[in-house]
Amino acid sequence: MIELDRSEYRRHLSQALQRLSRQERIALEEVILKGQSLRHVGNRTGVSAMTIQRRAKRGLAQMRQQLTVQLEPA
């Protein structure tokens, strides 16, 4: 992996987050970034906690894949 300064790292993370579907992005923002419970986010969005968990897991996997591709040394 290449070395990045803090602002570059944040930029890459932000770009990867924006490439996710709206549902996956909401799940990650609410559960991971804001620390809300799966149940709380599910109730607020009208789906089950399990659905929120799946969306968050899928979103993290997609971000990991995007960042791996972006940050591979040339």
PDB file of N, CA and C in Angstrom:
ATOM      1  N   MET A   1       0.830  -1.190   0.000  1.00  0.00           N
ATOM      2  CA  MET A   1       0.000   0.000   0.000  1.00  0.00           C
ATOM      3  C   MET A   1       0.869   1.247   0.000  1.00  0.00           C
ATOM      4  N   ILE A   2       0.369   2.285  -0.613  1.00  0.00           N
ATOM      5  CA  ILE A   2       1.114   3.532  -0.651  1.00  0.00           C
ATOM      6  C   ILE A   2       0.841   4.333   0.614  1.00  0.00           C
ATOM      7  N   GLU A   3       1.758   5.218   0.948  1.00  0.00           N
ATOM      8  CA  GLU A   3       1.584   6.054   2.128  1.00  0.00           C
ATOM      9  C   GLU A   3       0.801   7.302   1.760  1.00  0.00           C
ATOM     10  N   LEU A   4      -0.158   7.659   2.613  1.00  0.00           N
ATOM     11  CA  LEU A   4      -0.994   8.832   2.391  1.00  0.00           C
ATOM     12  C   LEU A   4      -0.957   9.722   3.612  1.00  0.00           C
ATOM     13  N   ASP A   5      -1.089  11.015   3.377  1.00  0.00           N
ATOM     14  CA  ASP A   5      -1.263  11.877   4.535  1.00  0.00           C
ATOM     15  C   ASP A   5      -2.738  11.817   4.942  1.00  0.00           C
ATOM     16  N   ARG A   6      -3.036  12.385   6.071  1.00  0.00           N
ATOM     17  CA  ARG A   6      -4.386  12.284   6.644  1.00  0.00           C
ATOM     18  C   ARG A   6      -5.472  12.813   5.707  1.00  0.00           C
ATOM     19  N   SER A   7      -5.229  13.930   5.044  1.00  0.00           N
ATOM     20  CA  SER A   7      -6.248  14.510   4.165  1.00  0.00           C
ATOM     21  C   SER A   7      -6.489  13.634   2.936  1.00  0.00           C
ATOM     22  N   GLU A   8      -5.428  13.038   2.396  1.00  0.00           N
ATOM     23  CA  GLU A   8      -5.595  12.139   1.251  1.00  0.00           C
ATOM     24  C   GLU A   8      -6.386  10.892   1.657  1.00  0.00           C
ATOM     25  N   TYR A   9      -6.075  10.375   2.820  1.00  0.00           N
ATOM     26  CA  TYR A   9      -6.762   9.192   3.339  1.00  0.00           C
ATOM     27  C   TYR A   9      -8.255   9.478   3.495  1.00  0.00           C
ATOM     28  N   ARG A  10      -8.574  10.622   4.084  1.00  0.00           N
ATOM     29  CA  ARG A  10      -9.979  11.004   4.274  1.00  0.00           C
ATOM     30  C   ARG A  10     -10.684  11.201   2.935  1.00  0.00           C
ATOM     31  N   ARG A  11      -9.996  11.758   1.974  1.00  0.00           N
ATOM     32  CA  ARG A  11     -10.572  11.972   0.651  1.00  0.00           C
ATOM     33  C   ARG A  11     -10.919  10.644  -0.013  1.00  0.00           C
ATOM     34  N   HIS A  12     -10.015   9.686   0.064  1.00  0.00           N
ATOM     35  CA  HIS A  12     -10.276   8.362  -0.505  1.00  0.00           C
ATOM     36  C   HIS A  12     -11.448   7.682   0.196  1.00  0.00           C
ATOM     37  N   LEU A  13     -11.498   7.777   1.515  1.00  0.00           N
ATOM     38  CA  LEU A  13     -12.618   7.190   2.262  1.00  0.00           C
ATOM     39  C   LEU A  13     -13.939   7.834   1.871  1.00  0.00           C
ATOM     40  N   SER A  14     -13.938   9.143   1.773  1.00  0.00           N
ATOM     41  CA  SER A  14     -15.155   9.874   1.406  1.00  0.00           C
ATOM     42  C   SER A  14     -15.632   9.485   0.013  1.00  0.00           C
ATOM     43  N   GLN A  15     -14.707   9.376  -0.923  1.00  0.00           N
ATOM     44  CA  GLN A  15     -15.060   8.985  -2.293  1.00  0.00           C
ATOM     45  C   GLN A  15     -15.642   7.568  -2.321  1.00  0.00           C
ATOM     46  N   ALA A  16     -15.036   6.664  -1.587  1.00  0.00           N
ATOM     47  CA  ALA A  16     -15.530   5.283  -1.548  1.00  0.00           C
ATOM     48  C   ALA A  16     -16.926   5.233  -0.922  1.00  0.00           C
ATOM     49  N   LEU A  17     -17.147   6.016   0.110  1.00  0.00           N
ATOM     50  CA  LEU A  17     -18.456   6.064   0.755  1.00  0.00           C
ATOM     51  C   LEU A  17     -19.512   6.611  -0.205  1.00  0.00           C
ATOM     52  N   GLN A  18     -19.169   7.618  -0.976  1.00  0.00           N
ATOM     53  CA  GLN A  18     -20.119   8.217  -1.906  1.00  0.00           C
ATOM     54  C   GLN A  18     -20.476   7.290  -3.070  1.00  0.00           C
ATOM     55  N   ARG A  19     -19.633   6.321  -3.355  1.00  0.00           N
ATOM     56  CA  ARG A  19     -19.913   5.377  -4.453  1.00  0.00           C
ATOM     57  C   ARG A  19     -20.903   4.280  -4.052  1.00  0.00           C
ATOM     58  N   LEU A  20     -21.189   4.160  -2.769  1.00  0.00           N
ATOM     59  CA  LEU A  20     -22.124   3.138  -2.300  1.00  0.00           C
ATOM     60  C   LEU A  20     -23.556   3.532  -2.644  1.00  0.00           C
ATOM     61  N   SER A  21     -24.431   2.542  -2.598  1.00  0.00           N
ATOM     62  CA  SER A  21     -25.851   2.847  -2.767  1.00  0.00           C
ATOM     63  C   SER A  21     -26.297   3.697  -1.587  1.00  0.00           C
ATOM     64  N   ARG A  22     -27.380   4.404  -1.757  1.00  0.00           N
ATOM     65  CA  ARG A  22     -27.903   5.266  -0.693  1.00  0.00           C
ATOM     66  C   ARG A  22     -28.182   4.456   0.572  1.00  0.00           C
ATOM     67  N   GLN A  23     -28.762   3.274   0.409  1.00  0.00           N
ATOM     68  CA  GLN A  23     -29.107   2.437   1.554  1.00  0.00           C
ATOM     69  C   GLN A  23     -27.864   1.969   2.306  1.00  0.00           C
ATOM     70  N   GLU A  24     -26.854   1.563   1.593  1.00  0.00           N
ATOM     71  CA  GLU A  24     -25.614   1.122   2.235  1.00  0.00           C
ATOM     72  C   GLU A  24     -24.909   2.286   2.914  1.00  0.00           C
ATOM     73  N   ARG A  25     -24.902   3.431   2.255  1.00  0.00           N
ATOM     74  CA  ARG A  25     -24.260   4.617   2.833  1.00  0.00           C
ATOM     75  C   ARG A  25     -24.950   5.022   4.130  1.00  0.00           C
ATOM     76  N   ILE A  26     -26.280   5.028   4.142  1.00  0.00           N
ATOM     77  CA  ILE A  26     -27.021   5.384   5.350  1.00  0.00           C
ATOM     78  C   ILE A  26     -26.697   4.397   6.471  1.00  0.00           C
ATOM     79  N   ALA A  27     -26.693   3.101   6.150  1.00  0.00           N
ATOM     80  CA  ALA A  27     -26.391   2.091   7.167  1.00  0.00           C
ATOM     81  C   ALA A  27     -25.012   2.325   7.774  1.00  0.00           C
ATOM     82  N   LEU A  28     -24.021   2.565   6.941  1.00  0.00           N
ATOM     83  CA  LEU A  28     -22.660   2.793   7.448  1.00  0.00           C
ATOM     84  C   LEU A  28     -22.551   4.089   8.243  1.00  0.00           C
ATOM     85  N   GLU A  29     -23.124   5.151   7.724  1.00  0.00           N
ATOM     86  CA  GLU A  29     -23.044   6.438   8.424  1.00  0.00           C
ATOM     87  C   GLU A  29     -23.706   6.361   9.790  1.00  0.00           C
ATOM     88  N   GLU A  30     -24.885   5.760   9.846  1.00  0.00           N
ATOM     89  CA  GLU A  30     -25.627   5.719  11.108  1.00  0.00           C
ATOM     90  C   GLU A  30     -25.016   4.746  12.119  1.00  0.00           C
ATOM     91  N   VAL A  31     -24.672   3.549  11.664  1.00  0.00           N
ATOM     92  CA  VAL A  31     -24.187   2.522  12.581  1.00  0.00           C
ATOM     93  C   VAL A  31     -22.718   2.708  12.925  1.00  0.00           C
ATOM     94  N   ILE A  32     -21.884   2.894  11.917  1.00  0.00           N
ATOM     95  CA  ILE A  32     -20.438   2.962  12.155  1.00  0.00           C
ATOM     96  C   ILE A  32     -19.996   4.359  12.592  1.00  0.00           C
ATOM     97  N   LEU A  33     -20.374   5.364  11.823  1.00  0.00           N
ATOM     98  CA  LEU A  33     -19.885   6.719  12.113  1.00  0.00           C
ATOM     99  C   LEU A  33     -20.609   7.380  13.285  1.00  0.00           C
ATOM    100  N   LYS A  34     -21.918   7.164  13.387  1.00  0.00           N
ATOM    101  CA  LYS A  34     -22.683   7.810  14.459  1.00  0.00           C
ATOM    102  C   LYS A  34     -22.915   6.907  15.658  1.00  0.00           C
ATOM    103  N   GLY A  35     -22.624   5.622  15.535  1.00  0.00           N
ATOM    104  CA  GLY A  35     -22.740   4.701  16.663  1.00  0.00           C
ATOM    105  C   GLY A  35     -24.162   4.312  17.036  1.00  0.00           C
ATOM    106  N   GLN A  36     -25.095   4.456  16.118  1.00  0.00           N
ATOM    107  CA  GLN A  36     -26.486   4.078  16.390  1.00  0.00           C
ATOM    108  C   GLN A  36     -26.615   2.555  16.361  1.00  0.00           C
ATOM    109  N   SER A  37     -27.582   2.028  17.091  1.00  0.00           N
ATOM    110  CA  SER A  37     -27.791   0.579  17.084  1.00  0.00           C
ATOM    111  C   SER A  37     -28.450   0.149  15.779  1.00  0.00           C
ATOM    112  N   LEU A  38     -28.242  -1.100  15.436  1.00  0.00           N
ATOM    113  CA  LEU A  38     -28.877  -1.663  14.243  1.00  0.00           C
ATOM    114  C   LEU A  38     -30.394  -1.549  14.346  1.00  0.00           C
ATOM    115  N   ARG A  39     -30.914  -1.862  15.511  1.00  0.00           N
ATOM    116  CA  ARG A  39     -32.358  -1.810  15.729  1.00  0.00           C
ATOM    117  C   ARG A  39     -32.892  -0.387  15.567  1.00  0.00           C
ATOM    118  N   HIS A  40     -32.193   0.588  16.132  1.00  0.00           N
ATOM    119  CA  HIS A  40     -32.629   1.981  16.034  1.00  0.00           C
ATOM    120  C   HIS A  40     -32.665   2.431  14.569  1.00  0.00           C
ATOM    121  N   VAL A  41     -31.606   2.147  13.834  1.00  0.00           N
ATOM    122  CA  VAL A  41     -31.542   2.552  12.427  1.00  0.00           C
ATOM    123  C   VAL A  41     -32.619   1.816  11.630  1.00  0.00           C
ATOM    124  N   GLY A  42     -32.799   0.542  11.909  1.00  0.00           N
ATOM    125  CA  GLY A  42     -33.832  -0.227  11.230  1.00  0.00           C
ATOM    126  C   GLY A  42     -35.220   0.331  11.479  1.00  0.00           C
ATOM    127  N   ASN A  43     -35.528   0.644  12.723  1.00  0.00           N
ATOM    128  CA  ASN A  43     -36.837   1.221  13.063  1.00  0.00           C
ATOM    129  C   ASN A  43     -37.046   2.552  12.353  1.00  0.00           C
ATOM    130  N   ARG A  44     -36.005   3.354  12.328  1.00  0.00           N
ATOM    131  CA  ARG A  44     -36.107   4.671  11.700  1.00  0.00           C
ATOM    132  C   ARG A  44     -36.281   4.592  10.184  1.00  0.00           C
ATOM    133  N   THR A  45     -35.694   3.563   9.575  1.00  0.00           N
ATOM    134  CA  THR A  45     -35.750   3.448   8.124  1.00  0.00           C
ATOM    135  C   THR A  45     -36.809   2.449   7.646  1.00  0.00           C
ATOM    136  N   GLY A  46     -37.459   1.774   8.593  1.00  0.00           N
ATOM    137  CA  GLY A  46     -38.548   0.869   8.236  1.00  0.00           C
ATOM    138  C   GLY A  46     -38.130  -0.516   7.777  1.00  0.00           C
ATOM    139  N   VAL A  47     -36.931  -0.948   8.185  1.00  0.00           N
ATOM    140  CA  VAL A  47     -36.473  -2.296   7.859  1.00  0.00           C
ATOM    141  C   VAL A  47     -35.958  -2.960   9.129  1.00  0.00           C
ATOM    142  N   SER A  48     -35.662  -4.244   9.044  1.00  0.00           N
ATOM    143  CA  SER A  48     -35.189  -4.967  10.224  1.00  0.00           C
ATOM    144  C   SER A  48     -33.730  -4.632  10.543  1.00  0.00           C
ATOM    145  N   ALA A  49     -33.352  -4.918  11.777  1.00  0.00           N
ATOM    146  CA  ALA A  49     -31.962  -4.736  12.193  1.00  0.00           C
ATOM    147  C   ALA A  49     -31.037  -5.618  11.347  1.00  0.00           C
ATOM    148  N   MET A  50     -31.505  -6.807  11.000  1.00  0.00           N
ATOM    149  CA  MET A  50     -30.705  -7.718  10.174  1.00  0.00           C
ATOM    150  C   MET A  50     -30.441  -7.111   8.791  1.00  0.00           C
ATOM    151  N   THR A  51     -31.437  -6.434   8.234  1.00  0.00           N
ATOM    152  CA  THR A  51     -31.252  -5.784   6.932  1.00  0.00           C
ATOM    153  C   THR A  51     -30.212  -4.684   7.036  1.00  0.00           C
ATOM    154  N   ILE A  52     -30.253  -3.904   8.109  1.00  0.00           N
ATOM    155  CA  ILE A  52     -29.247  -2.850   8.323  1.00  0.00           C
ATOM    156  C   ILE A  52     -27.872  -3.480   8.446  1.00  0.00           C
ATOM    157  N   GLN A  53     -27.779  -4.586   9.177  1.00  0.00           N
ATOM    158  CA  GLN A  53     -26.493  -5.267   9.335  1.00  0.00           C
ATOM    159  C   GLN A  53     -25.957  -5.737   7.984  1.00  0.00           C
ATOM    160  N   ARG A  54     -26.813  -6.309   7.163  1.00  0.00           N
ATOM    161  CA  ARG A  54     -26.392  -6.773   5.831  1.00  0.00           C
ATOM    162  C   ARG A  54     -25.929  -5.614   4.961  1.00  0.00           C
ATOM    163  N   ARG A  55     -26.674  -4.514   5.010  1.00  0.00           N
ATOM    164  CA  ARG A  55     -26.297  -3.337   4.214  1.00  0.00           C
ATOM    165  C   ARG A  55     -24.946  -2.790   4.648  1.00  0.00           C
ATOM    166  N   ALA A  56     -24.736  -2.711   5.947  1.00  0.00           N
ATOM    167  CA  ALA A  56     -23.465  -2.199   6.464  1.00  0.00           C
ATOM    168  C   ALA A  56     -22.316  -3.132   6.070  1.00  0.00           C
ATOM    169  N   LYS A  57     -22.539  -4.420   6.216  1.00  0.00           N
ATOM    170  CA  LYS A  57     -21.505  -5.396   5.870  1.00  0.00           C
ATOM    171  C   LYS A  57     -21.173  -5.335   4.380  1.00  0.00           C
ATOM    172  N   ARG A  58     -22.201  -5.255   3.547  1.00  0.00           N
ATOM    173  CA  ARG A  58     -21.995  -5.164   2.097  1.00  0.00           C
ATOM    174  C   ARG A  58     -21.272  -3.857   1.746  1.00  0.00           C
ATOM    175  N   GLY A  59     -21.664  -2.766   2.385  1.00  0.00           N
ATOM    176  CA  GLY A  59     -21.021  -1.476   2.132  1.00  0.00           C
ATOM    177  C   GLY A  59     -19.556  -1.481   2.512  1.00  0.00           C
ATOM    178  N   LEU A  60     -19.236  -2.068   3.664  1.00  0.00           N
ATOM    179  CA  LEU A  60     -17.834  -2.151   4.086  1.00  0.00           C
ATOM    180  C   LEU A  60     -17.012  -2.990   3.115  1.00  0.00           C
ATOM    181  N   ALA A  61     -17.589  -4.089   2.647  1.00  0.00           N
ATOM    182  CA  ALA A  61     -16.873  -4.938   1.688  1.00  0.00           C
ATOM    183  C   ALA A  61     -16.611  -4.188   0.383  1.00  0.00           C
ATOM    184  N   GLN A  62     -17.597  -3.439  -0.078  1.00  0.00           N
ATOM    185  CA  GLN A  62     -17.418  -2.667  -1.310  1.00  0.00           C
ATOM    186  C   GLN A  62     -16.384  -1.567  -1.128  1.00  0.00           C
ATOM    187  N   MET A  63     -16.417  -0.897   0.020  1.00  0.00           N
ATOM    188  CA  MET A  63     -15.414   0.147   0.276  1.00  0.00           C
ATOM    189  C   MET A  63     -14.019  -0.459   0.333  1.00  0.00           C
ATOM    190  N   ARG A  64     -13.897  -1.599   0.999  1.00  0.00           N
ATOM    191  CA  ARG A  64     -12.597  -2.263   1.101  1.00  0.00           C
ATOM    192  C   ARG A  64     -12.061  -2.587  -0.291  1.00  0.00           C
ATOM    193  N   GLN A  65     -12.928  -3.105  -1.148  1.00  0.00           N
ATOM    194  CA  GLN A  65     -12.518  -3.446  -2.507  1.00  0.00           C
ATOM    195  C   GLN A  65     -12.100  -2.193  -3.285  1.00  0.00           C
ATOM    196  N   GLN A  66     -12.889  -1.138  -3.192  1.00  0.00           N
ATOM    197  CA  GLN A  66     -12.570   0.112  -3.895  1.00  0.00           C
ATOM    198  C   GLN A  66     -11.242   0.686  -3.425  1.00  0.00           C
ATOM    199  N   LEU A  67     -11.035   0.712  -2.114  1.00  0.00           N
ATOM    200  CA  LEU A  67      -9.810   1.295  -1.577  1.00  0.00           C
ATOM    201  C   LEU A  67      -8.593   0.445  -1.918  1.00  0.00           C
ATOM    202  N   THR A  68      -8.759  -0.862  -1.942  1.00  0.00           N
ATOM    203  CA  THR A  68      -7.650  -1.732  -2.313  1.00  0.00           C
ATOM    204  C   THR A  68      -7.206  -1.445  -3.736  1.00  0.00           C
ATOM    205  N   VAL A  69      -8.166  -1.286  -4.635  1.00  0.00           N
ATOM    206  CA  VAL A  69      -7.851  -0.987  -6.033  1.00  0.00           C
ATOM    207  C   VAL A  69      -7.221   0.394  -6.155  1.00  0.00           C
ATOM    208  N   GLN A  70      -7.803   1.382  -5.477  1.00  0.00           N
ATOM    209  CA  GLN A  70      -7.306   2.764  -5.564  1.00  0.00           C
ATOM    210  C   GLN A  70      -5.905   2.915  -5.006  1.00  0.00           C
ATOM    211  N   LEU A  71      -5.613   2.192  -3.940  1.00  0.00           N
ATOM    212  CA  LEU A  71      -4.365   2.431  -3.207  1.00  0.00           C
ATOM    213  C   LEU A  71      -3.272   1.429  -3.533  1.00  0.00           C
ATOM    214  N   GLU A  72      -3.499   0.555  -4.498  1.00  0.00           N
ATOM    215  CA  GLU A  72      -2.443  -0.355  -4.909  1.00  0.00           C
ATOM    216  C   GLU A  72      -1.318   0.428  -5.569  1.00  0.00           C
ATOM    217  N   PRO A  73      -0.091   0.074  -5.248  1.00  0.00           N
ATOM    218  CA  PRO A  73       1.023   0.753  -5.911  1.00  0.00           C
ATOM    219  C   PRO A  73       1.003   0.446  -7.411  1.00  0.00           C
ATOM    220  N   ALA A  74       1.370   1.421  -8.184  1.00  0.00           N
ATOM    221  CA  ALA A  74       1.362   1.254  -9.657  1.00  0.00           C
ATOM    222  C   ALA A  74       2.493   0.392 -10.131  1.00  0.00           C
TER     223      ALA A  74
END
